[in-house]
PDB file of N, CA and C in Angstrom:
ATOM      1  N   UNK A   1      19.037  -2.510   3.215  1.00  0.00           N
ATOM      2  CA  UNK A   1      17.758  -1.866   2.941  1.00  0.00           C
ATOM      3  C   UNK A   1      17.847  -1.181   1.583  1.00  0.00           C
ATOM      4  N   UNK A   2      17.023  -1.627   0.642  1.00  0.00           N
ATOM      5  CA  UNK A   2      17.025  -1.035  -0.704  1.00  0.00           C
ATOM      6  C   UNK A   2      15.764  -0.204  -0.869  1.00  0.00           C
ATOM      7  N   UNK A   3      15.915   0.926  -1.525  1.00  0.00           N
ATOM      8  CA  UNK A   3      14.774   1.812  -1.759  1.00  0.00           C
ATOM      9  C   UNK A   3      14.396   1.844  -3.234  1.00  0.00           C
ATOM     10  N   UNK A   4      13.195   2.299  -3.488  1.00  0.00           N
ATOM     11  CA  UNK A   4      12.635   2.303  -4.838  1.00  0.00           C
ATOM     12  C   UNK A   4      13.492   3.083  -5.833  1.00  0.00           C
ATOM     13  N   UNK A   5      14.129   4.142  -5.402  1.00  0.00           N
ATOM     14  CA  UNK A   5      14.918   4.970  -6.318  1.00  0.00           C
ATOM     15  C   UNK A   5      16.171   4.279  -6.844  1.00  0.00           C
ATOM     16  N   UNK A   6      16.535   3.122  -6.287  1.00  0.00           N
ATOM     17  CA  UNK A   6      17.743   2.412  -6.729  1.00  0.00           C
ATOM     18  C   UNK A   6      17.453   1.289  -7.730  1.00  0.00           C
ATOM     19  N   UNK A   7      16.171   1.043  -8.035  1.00  0.00           N
ATOM     20  CA  UNK A   7      15.834  -0.013  -8.987  1.00  0.00           C
ATOM     21  C   UNK A   7      16.236   0.384 -10.404  1.00  0.00           C
ATOM     22  N   UNK A   8      16.430  -0.619 -11.243  1.00  0.00           N
ATOM     23  CA  UNK A   8      16.701  -0.415 -12.667  1.00  0.00           C
ATOM     24  C   UNK A   8      15.399  -0.545 -13.447  1.00  0.00           C
ATOM     25  N   UNK A   9      15.292   0.101 -14.601  1.00  0.00           N
ATOM     26  CA  UNK A   9      14.082  -0.043 -15.418  1.00  0.00           C
ATOM     27  C   UNK A   9      13.805  -1.519 -15.708  1.00  0.00           C
ATOM     28  N   UNK A  10      12.561  -1.918 -15.482  1.00  0.00           N
ATOM     29  CA  UNK A  10      12.155  -3.293 -15.719  1.00  0.00           C
ATOM     30  C   UNK A  10      12.203  -4.161 -14.479  1.00  0.00           C
ATOM     31  N   UNK A  11      12.886  -3.724 -13.429  1.00  0.00           N
ATOM     32  CA  UNK A  11      12.961  -4.525 -12.203  1.00  0.00           C
ATOM     33  C   UNK A  11      11.646  -4.455 -11.452  1.00  0.00           C
ATOM     34  N   UNK A  12      11.303  -5.564 -10.819  1.00  0.00           N
ATOM     35  CA  UNK A  12      10.116  -5.616  -9.974  1.00  0.00           C
ATOM     36  C   UNK A  12      10.540  -5.784  -8.527  1.00  0.00           C
ATOM     37  N   UNK A  13       9.695  -5.316  -7.637  1.00  0.00           N
ATOM     38  CA  UNK A  13       9.975  -5.394  -6.205  1.00  0.00           C
ATOM     39  C   UNK A  13       8.669  -5.407  -5.436  1.00  0.00           C
ATOM     40  N   UNK A  14       8.769  -5.635  -4.160  1.00  0.00           N
ATOM     41  CA  UNK A  14       7.616  -5.605  -3.266  1.00  0.00           C
ATOM     42  C   UNK A  14       7.855  -4.516  -2.233  1.00  0.00           C
ATOM     43  N   UNK A  15       6.850  -3.687  -2.011  1.00  0.00           N
ATOM     44  CA  UNK A  15       6.967  -2.615  -1.029  1.00  0.00           C
ATOM     45  C   UNK A  15       7.010  -3.234   0.369  1.00  0.00           C
ATOM     46  N   UNK A  16       8.003  -2.831   1.162  1.00  0.00           N
ATOM     47  CA  UNK A  16       8.154  -3.335   2.529  1.00  0.00           C
ATOM     48  C   UNK A  16       7.628  -2.329   3.559  1.00  0.00           C
ATOM     49  N   UNK A  17       8.094  -1.081   3.459  1.00  0.00           N
ATOM     50  CA  UNK A  17       7.709  -0.055   4.431  1.00  0.00           C
ATOM     51  C   UNK A  17       8.049   1.325   3.882  1.00  0.00           C
ATOM     52  N   UNK A  18       7.685   2.341   4.656  1.00  0.00           N
ATOM     53  CA  UNK A  18       7.957   3.728   4.287  1.00  0.00           C
ATOM     54  C   UNK A  18       8.796   4.371   5.381  1.00  0.00           C
ATOM     55  N   UNK A  19       9.673   5.288   5.000  1.00  0.00           N
ATOM     56  CA  UNK A  19      10.514   5.958   5.987  1.00  0.00           C
ATOM     57  C   UNK A  19      10.020   7.359   6.329  1.00  0.00           C
ATOM     58  N   UNK A  20       9.014   7.857   5.604  1.00  0.00           N
ATOM     59  CA  UNK A  20       8.467   9.187   5.846  1.00  0.00           C
ATOM     60  C   UNK A  20       6.977   9.045   6.160  1.00  0.00           C
ATOM     61  N   UNK A  21       6.584   9.416   7.385  1.00  0.00           N
ATOM     62  CA  UNK A  21       5.190   9.237   7.801  1.00  0.00           C
ATOM     63  C   UNK A  21       4.219  10.077   6.968  1.00  0.00           C
ATOM     64  N   UNK A  22       4.589  11.325   6.666  1.00  0.00           N
ATOM     65  CA  UNK A  22       3.698  12.191   5.888  1.00  0.00           C
ATOM     66  C   UNK A  22       3.477  11.634   4.483  1.00  0.00           C
ATOM     67  N   UNK A  23       4.568  11.284   3.797  1.00  0.00           N
ATOM     68  CA  UNK A  23       4.443  10.758   2.440  1.00  0.00           C
ATOM     69  C   UNK A  23       3.779   9.382   2.410  1.00  0.00           C
ATOM     70  N   UNK A  24       3.960   8.602   3.472  1.00  0.00           N
ATOM     71  CA  UNK A  24       3.379   7.258   3.477  1.00  0.00           C
ATOM     72  C   UNK A  24       1.860   7.307   3.357  1.00  0.00           C
ATOM     73  N   UNK A  25       1.226   8.290   3.956  1.00  0.00           N
ATOM     74  CA  UNK A  25      -0.232   8.422   3.830  1.00  0.00           C
ATOM     75  C   UNK A  25      -0.636   8.703   2.387  1.00  0.00           C
ATOM     76  N   UNK A  26       0.118   9.538   1.715  1.00  0.00           N
ATOM     77  CA  UNK A  26      -0.160   9.837   0.302  1.00  0.00           C
ATOM     78  C   UNK A  26       0.059   8.612  -0.571  1.00  0.00           C
ATOM     79  N   UNK A  27       1.148   7.857  -0.312  1.00  0.00           N
ATOM     80  CA  UNK A  27       1.406   6.649  -1.078  1.00  0.00           C
ATOM     81  C   UNK A  27       0.294   5.618  -0.902  1.00  0.00           C
ATOM     82  N   UNK A  28      -0.163   5.440   0.327  1.00  0.00           N
ATOM     83  CA  UNK A  28      -1.227   4.483   0.608  1.00  0.00           C
ATOM     84  C   UNK A  28      -2.500   4.886  -0.126  1.00  0.00           C
ATOM     85  N   UNK A  29      -2.815   6.173  -0.153  1.00  0.00           N
ATOM     86  CA  UNK A  29      -3.991   6.662  -0.887  1.00  0.00           C
ATOM     87  C   UNK A  29      -3.892   6.375  -2.378  1.00  0.00           C
ATOM     88  N   UNK A  30      -2.651   6.295  -2.906  1.00  0.00           N
ATOM     89  CA  UNK A  30      -2.453   6.052  -4.332  1.00  0.00           C
ATOM     90  C   UNK A  30      -2.265   4.564  -4.639  1.00  0.00           C
ATOM     91  N   UNK A  31      -2.438   3.686  -3.647  1.00  0.00           N
ATOM     92  CA  UNK A  31      -2.357   2.257  -3.896  1.00  0.00           C
ATOM     93  C   UNK A  31      -1.013   1.630  -3.622  1.00  0.00           C
ATOM     94  N   UNK A  32      -0.085   2.393  -3.104  1.00  0.00           N
ATOM     95  CA  UNK A  32       1.246   1.855  -2.759  1.00  0.00           C
ATOM     96  C   UNK A  32       1.191   1.330  -1.327  1.00  0.00           C
ATOM     97  N   UNK A  33       0.775   0.105  -1.171  1.00  0.00           N
ATOM     98  CA  UNK A  33       0.622  -0.500   0.144  1.00  0.00           C
ATOM     99  C   UNK A  33       1.759  -1.468   0.413  1.00  0.00           C
ATOM    100  N   UNK A  34       2.162  -1.630   1.670  1.00  0.00           N
ATOM    101  CA  UNK A  34       3.156  -2.661   1.970  1.00  0.00           C
ATOM    102  C   UNK A  34       2.651  -4.025   1.492  1.00  0.00           C
ATOM    103  N   UNK A  35       3.521  -4.759   0.819  1.00  0.00           N
ATOM    104  CA  UNK A  35       3.153  -6.045   0.243  1.00  0.00           C
ATOM    105  C   UNK A  35       2.755  -5.961  -1.218  1.00  0.00           C
ATOM    106  N   UNK A  36       2.537  -4.761  -1.725  1.00  0.00           N
ATOM    107  CA  UNK A  36       2.145  -4.555  -3.124  1.00  0.00           C
ATOM    108  C   UNK A  36       3.351  -4.705  -4.031  1.00  0.00           C
ATOM    109  N   UNK A  37       3.160  -5.421  -5.149  1.00  0.00           N
ATOM    110  CA  UNK A  37       4.244  -5.568  -6.126  1.00  0.00           C
ATOM    111  C   UNK A  37       4.263  -4.359  -7.043  1.00  0.00           C
ATOM    112  N   UNK A  38       5.476  -3.899  -7.358  1.00  0.00           N
ATOM    113  CA  UNK A  38       5.652  -2.740  -8.230  1.00  0.00           C
ATOM    114  C   UNK A  38       6.725  -3.053  -9.263  1.00  0.00           C
ATOM    115  N   UNK A  39       6.715  -2.272 -10.333  1.00  0.00           N
ATOM    116  CA  UNK A  39       7.718  -2.419 -11.395  1.00  0.00           C
ATOM    117  C   UNK A  39       8.167  -1.021 -11.791  1.00  0.00           C
ATOM    118  N   UNK A  40       9.481  -0.822 -11.860  1.00  0.00           N
ATOM    119  CA  UNK A  40      10.003   0.445 -12.354  1.00  0.00           C
ATOM    120  C   UNK A  40       9.911   0.423 -13.876  1.00  0.00           C
ATOM    121  N   UNK A  41       9.065   1.277 -14.430  1.00  0.00           N
ATOM    122  CA  UNK A  41       8.812   1.264 -15.866  1.00  0.00           C
ATOM    123  C   UNK A  41       9.714   2.228 -16.634  1.00  0.00           C
ATOM    124  N   UNK A  42       9.822   3.441 -16.144  1.00  0.00           N
ATOM    125  CA  UNK A  42      10.568   4.461 -16.886  1.00  0.00           C
ATOM    126  C   UNK A  42      11.348   5.363 -15.940  1.00  0.00           C
ATOM    127  N   UNK A  43      12.464   5.863 -16.456  1.00  0.00           N
ATOM    128  CA  UNK A  43      13.220   6.913 -15.776  1.00  0.00           C
ATOM    129  C   UNK A  43      13.373   8.041 -16.790  1.00  0.00           C
ATOM    130  N   UNK A  44      13.066   9.260 -16.380  1.00  0.00           N
ATOM    131  CA  UNK A  44      13.182  10.414 -17.273  1.00  0.00           C
ATOM    132  C   UNK A  44      14.634  10.570 -17.723  1.00  0.00           C
ATOM    133  N   UNK A  45      14.866  11.184 -18.898  1.00  0.00           N
ATOM    134  CA  UNK A  45      16.221  11.319 -19.436  1.00  0.00           C
ATOM    135  C   UNK A  45      17.237  11.934 -18.471  1.00  0.00           C
ATOM    136  N   UNK A  46      16.814  12.852 -17.641  1.00  0.00           N
ATOM    137  CA  UNK A  46      17.729  13.463 -16.678  1.00  0.00           C
ATOM    138  C   UNK A  46      17.686  12.751 -15.319  1.00  0.00           C
ATOM    139  N   UNK A  47      16.978  11.617 -15.253  1.00  0.00           N
ATOM    140  CA  UNK A  47      16.958  10.814 -14.044  1.00  0.00           C
ATOM    141  C   UNK A  47      15.829  11.100 -13.073  1.00  0.00           C
ATOM    142  N   UNK A  48      15.044  12.110 -13.301  1.00  0.00           N
ATOM    143  CA  UNK A  48      13.960  12.468 -12.391  1.00  0.00           C
ATOM    144  C   UNK A  48      12.854  13.122 -13.183  1.00  0.00           C
ATOM    145  N   UNK A  49      11.614  12.699 -13.098  1.00  0.00           N
ATOM    146  CA  UNK A  49      11.005  11.704 -12.208  1.00  0.00           C
ATOM    147  C   UNK A  49      11.134  10.273 -12.765  1.00  0.00           C
ATOM    148  N   UNK A  50      10.548   9.336 -12.012  1.00  0.00           N
ATOM    149  CA  UNK A  50      10.481   7.950 -12.438  1.00  0.00           C
ATOM    150  C   UNK A  50       9.013   7.555 -12.529  1.00  0.00           C
ATOM    151  N   UNK A  51       8.704   6.511 -13.275  1.00  0.00           N
ATOM    152  CA  UNK A  51       7.336   6.002 -13.374  1.00  0.00           C
ATOM    153  C   UNK A  51       7.342   4.541 -12.944  1.00  0.00           C
ATOM    154  N   UNK A  52       6.404   4.205 -12.057  1.00  0.00           N
ATOM    155  CA  UNK A  52       6.285   2.816 -11.609  1.00  0.00           C
ATOM    156  C   UNK A  52       4.896   2.297 -11.942  1.00  0.00           C
ATOM    157  N   UNK A  53       4.822   0.983 -12.160  1.00  0.00           N
ATOM    158  CA  UNK A  53       3.523   0.322 -12.306  1.00  0.00           C
ATOM    159  C   UNK A  53       3.139  -0.207 -10.946  1.00  0.00           C
ATOM    160  N   UNK A  54       1.962   0.205 -10.475  1.00  0.00           N
ATOM    161  CA  UNK A  54       1.460  -0.247  -9.185  1.00  0.00           C
ATOM    162  C   UNK A  54      -0.065  -0.287  -9.255  1.00  0.00           C
ATOM    163  N   UNK A  55      -0.651  -1.314  -8.747  1.00  0.00           N
ATOM    164  CA  UNK A  55      -2.115  -1.456  -8.701  1.00  0.00           C
ATOM    165  C   UNK A  55      -2.772  -1.256 -10.055  1.00  0.00           C
ATOM    166  N   UNK A  56      -2.099  -1.652 -11.136  1.00  0.00           N
ATOM    167  CA  UNK A  56      -2.693  -1.586 -12.463  1.00  0.00           C
ATOM    168  C   UNK A  56      -2.580  -0.244 -13.173  1.00  0.00           C
ATOM    169  N   UNK A  57      -1.807   0.686 -12.667  1.00  0.00           N
ATOM    170  CA  UNK A  57      -1.643   1.961 -13.355  1.00  0.00           C
ATOM    171  C   UNK A  57      -0.216   2.460 -13.196  1.00  0.00           C
ATOM    172  N   UNK A  58       0.145   3.480 -13.996  1.00  0.00           N
ATOM    173  CA  UNK A  58       1.473   4.101 -13.905  1.00  0.00           C
ATOM    174  C   UNK A  58       1.413   5.289 -12.953  1.00  0.00           C
ATOM    175  N   UNK A  59       2.373   5.356 -12.061  1.00  0.00           N
ATOM    176  CA  UNK A  59       2.458   6.432 -11.091  1.00  0.00           C
ATOM    177  C   UNK A  59       3.826   7.097 -11.247  1.00  0.00           C
ATOM    178  N   UNK A  60       3.830   8.401 -11.383  1.00  0.00           N
ATOM    179  CA  UNK A  60       5.076   9.156 -11.525  1.00  0.00           C
ATOM    180  C   UNK A  60       5.469   9.717 -10.163  1.00  0.00           C
ATOM    181  N   UNK A  61       6.739   9.516  -9.790  1.00  0.00           N
ATOM    182  CA  UNK A  61       7.259   9.985  -8.510  1.00  0.00           C
ATOM    183  C   UNK A  61       8.593  10.690  -8.694  1.00  0.00           C
ATOM    184  N   UNK A  62       8.868  11.654  -7.836  1.00  0.00           N
ATOM    185  CA  UNK A  62      10.201  12.236  -7.795  1.00  0.00           C
ATOM    186  C   UNK A  62      11.136  11.218  -7.143  1.00  0.00           C
ATOM    187  N   UNK A  63      12.400  11.241  -7.517  1.00  0.00           N
ATOM    188  CA  UNK A  63      13.365  10.300  -6.911  1.00  0.00           C
ATOM    189  C   UNK A  63      13.456  10.514  -5.409  1.00  0.00           C
ATOM    190  N   UNK A  64      13.333  11.754  -4.973  1.00  0.00           N
ATOM    191  CA  UNK A  64      13.389  12.060  -3.540  1.00  0.00           C
ATOM    192  C   UNK A  64      12.244  11.366  -2.803  1.00  0.00           C
ATOM    193  N   UNK A  65      11.056  11.323  -3.419  1.00  0.00           N
ATOM    194  CA  UNK A  65       9.917  10.627  -2.823  1.00  0.00           C
ATOM    195  C   UNK A  65      10.135   9.112  -2.870  1.00  0.00           C
ATOM    196  N   UNK A  66      10.645   8.606  -3.995  1.00  0.00           N
ATOM    197  CA  UNK A  66      10.887   7.176  -4.155  1.00  0.00           C
ATOM    198  C   UNK A  66      11.915   6.665  -3.148  1.00  0.00           C
ATOM    199  N   UNK A  67      12.808   7.530  -2.711  1.00  0.00           N
ATOM    200  CA  UNK A  67      13.839   7.134  -1.751  1.00  0.00           C
ATOM    201  C   UNK A  67      13.253   6.841  -0.371  1.00  0.00           C
ATOM    202  N   UNK A  68      11.993   7.200  -0.136  1.00  0.00           N
ATOM    203  CA  UNK A  68      11.353   6.936   1.155  1.00  0.00           C
ATOM    204  C   UNK A  68      10.568   5.617   1.164  1.00  0.00           C
ATOM    205  N   UNK A  69      10.596   4.883   0.039  1.00  0.00           N
ATOM    206  CA  UNK A  69       9.889   3.602  -0.062  1.00  0.00           C
ATOM    207  C   UNK A  69      10.911   2.483  -0.026  1.00  0.00           C
ATOM    208  N   UNK A  70      10.879   1.692   1.033  1.00  0.00           N
ATOM    209  CA  UNK A  70      11.786   0.553   1.180  1.00  0.00           C
ATOM    210  C   UNK A  70      11.166  -0.633   0.451  1.00  0.00           C
ATOM    211  N   UNK A  71      11.953  -1.284  -0.416  1.00  0.00           N
ATOM    212  CA  UNK A  71      11.450  -2.390  -1.221  1.00  0.00           C
ATOM    213  C   UNK A  71      12.335  -3.623  -1.058  1.00  0.00           C
ATOM    214  N   UNK A  72      11.770  -4.758  -1.410  1.00  0.00           N
ATOM    215  CA  UNK A  72      12.527  -6.010  -1.499  1.00  0.00           C
ATOM    216  C   UNK A  72      12.470  -6.420  -2.964  1.00  0.00           C
ATOM    217  N   UNK A  73      13.625  -6.489  -3.611  1.00  0.00           N
ATOM    218  CA  UNK A  73      13.692  -6.843  -5.026  1.00  0.00           C
ATOM    219  C   UNK A  73      13.256  -8.293  -5.194  1.00  0.00           C
ATOM    220  N   UNK A  74      12.403  -8.547  -6.160  1.00  0.00           N
ATOM    221  CA  UNK A  74      11.924  -9.906  -6.406  1.00  0.00           C
ATOM    222  C   UNK A  74      13.041 -10.758  -6.992  1.00  0.00           C
ATOM    223  N   UNK A  75      13.144 -12.021  -6.571  1.00  0.00           N
ATOM    224  CA  UNK A  75      14.261 -12.874  -6.972  1.00  0.00           C
ATOM    225  C   UNK A  75      14.313 -13.208  -8.456  1.00  0.00           C
ATOM    226  N   UNK A  76      13.205 -13.086  -9.188  1.00  0.00           N
ATOM    227  CA  UNK A  76      13.238 -13.421 -10.609  1.00  0.00           C
ATOM    228  C   UNK A  76      13.933 -12.354 -11.447  1.00  0.00           C
ATOM    229  N   UNK A  77      14.305 -11.222 -10.835  1.00  0.00           N
ATOM    230  CA  UNK A  77      15.004 -10.163 -11.565  1.00  0.00           C
ATOM    231  C   UNK A  77      16.444 -10.581 -11.880  1.00  0.00           C
ATOM    232  N   UNK A  78      16.863 -10.303 -13.084  1.00  0.00           N
ATOM    233  CA  UNK A  78      18.259 -10.432 -13.456  1.00  0.00           C
ATOM    234  C   UNK A  78      18.567  -9.359 -14.482  1.00  0.00           C
ATOM    235  N   UNK A  79      19.799  -9.182 -14.834  1.00  0.00           N
ATOM    236  CA  UNK A  79      20.183  -8.093 -15.725  1.00  0.00           C
ATOM    237  C   UNK A  79      19.473  -8.190 -17.075  1.00  0.00           C
ATOM    238  N   UNK A  80      19.363  -9.382 -17.637  1.00  0.00           N
ATOM    239  CA  UNK A  80      18.747  -9.532 -18.955  1.00  0.00           C
ATOM    240  C   UNK A  80      17.264  -9.169 -18.936  1.00  0.00           C
ATOM    241  N   UNK A  81      16.539  -9.489 -17.845  1.00  0.00           N
ATOM    242  CA  UNK A  81      15.120  -9.203 -17.799  1.00  0.00           C
ATOM    243  C   UNK A  81      14.815  -7.749 -17.555  1.00  0.00           C
ATOM    244  N   UNK A  82      15.811  -6.955 -17.161  1.00  0.00           N
ATOM    245  CA  UNK A  82      15.592  -5.563 -16.836  1.00  0.00           C
ATOM    246  C   UNK A  82      15.905  -4.623 -17.989  1.00  0.00           C
ATOM    247  N   UNK A  83      16.326  -5.141 -19.107  1.00  0.00           N
ATOM    248  CA  UNK A  83      16.625  -4.299 -20.263  1.00  0.00           C
ATOM    249  C   UNK A  83      15.335  -4.011 -21.016  1.00  0.00           C
ATOM    250  N   UNK A  84      15.124  -2.733 -21.319  1.00  0.00           N
ATOM    251  CA  UNK A  84      13.897  -2.354 -22.037  1.00  0.00           C
ATOM    252  C   UNK A  84      14.201  -2.224 -23.513  1.00  0.00           C
TER     253      UNK A  84
END
């Protein structure tokens, strides 16, 4: 089980499920739905927060919040494609 906070910048994934019921409602309201494709765009210099592309916009999340989103990494990802 891989979570959003473990992705590398540039990696894409698909949201599978949420591990926190309270936060899942907030994520769904912001367009983070199971089955939605996302891309990790930026990580702050100190590692927190992170910015993801989802539903056509950038969303900033704390790493603690991102750790509650279970994702499936898309197979087209490789080390070279994830370098910014």
